[in-house]
Amino acid sequence: MARTTSNSIYNGGTFAVRRAFSKGISFQGSYTFGKVLTDSEVEQGTTSYYDANNRNLDRSVASFDIRQRVAFSGVWEIPFLRNCNSLACRTVGGWQLSGYGILESGLPMTVSSSGAYPNGDYNADGTNADRPTHRRIRLADRDSANVSS
């Protein structure tokens, strides 16, 4: 049995409508709004965390998160030869024509660097897909840098 200590959470909701119209036409549509958060993006047991002692640093929107999705489909029961009792009518008649579509928002983007340490492998763990560090610039440092240049 595979086991992991990673954690993922999905929150979402769906709204769906169905409607049958006259002359054999029906429509169905749905809208989903959701969000996936995770601290692991790869196979179980092979995750390289930014800091293994503080996994909250890796908790973010999953790379497979689709925030919004609209799906729709329609069916038309073709009326030709539908009410006939002969063998030819039962073979050729009673067909349906249908179609569907899915529209969804794009996938999140993850910024990473593949450079070698110290220009890319920021935690020097030997893997080269680290996220860039977030360096805070104090106002005093920024102002002194502008004055000297």
Foldseek 3Di string as FASTA:
>chain_A
DDDAPKDKDKDKDKDKDKDADPQQKIKIKMKMFMFMWILAADDGPPGDAPDPVDSVVSIDTYQPDWGMKMKMKMKHFDPPLAPDDDPVSVVPHRDMDMDMDMDTDDGDDAAAAQDAPPVGPPVNPPGRGHGDDDDDDDPVNVVVVVVVD
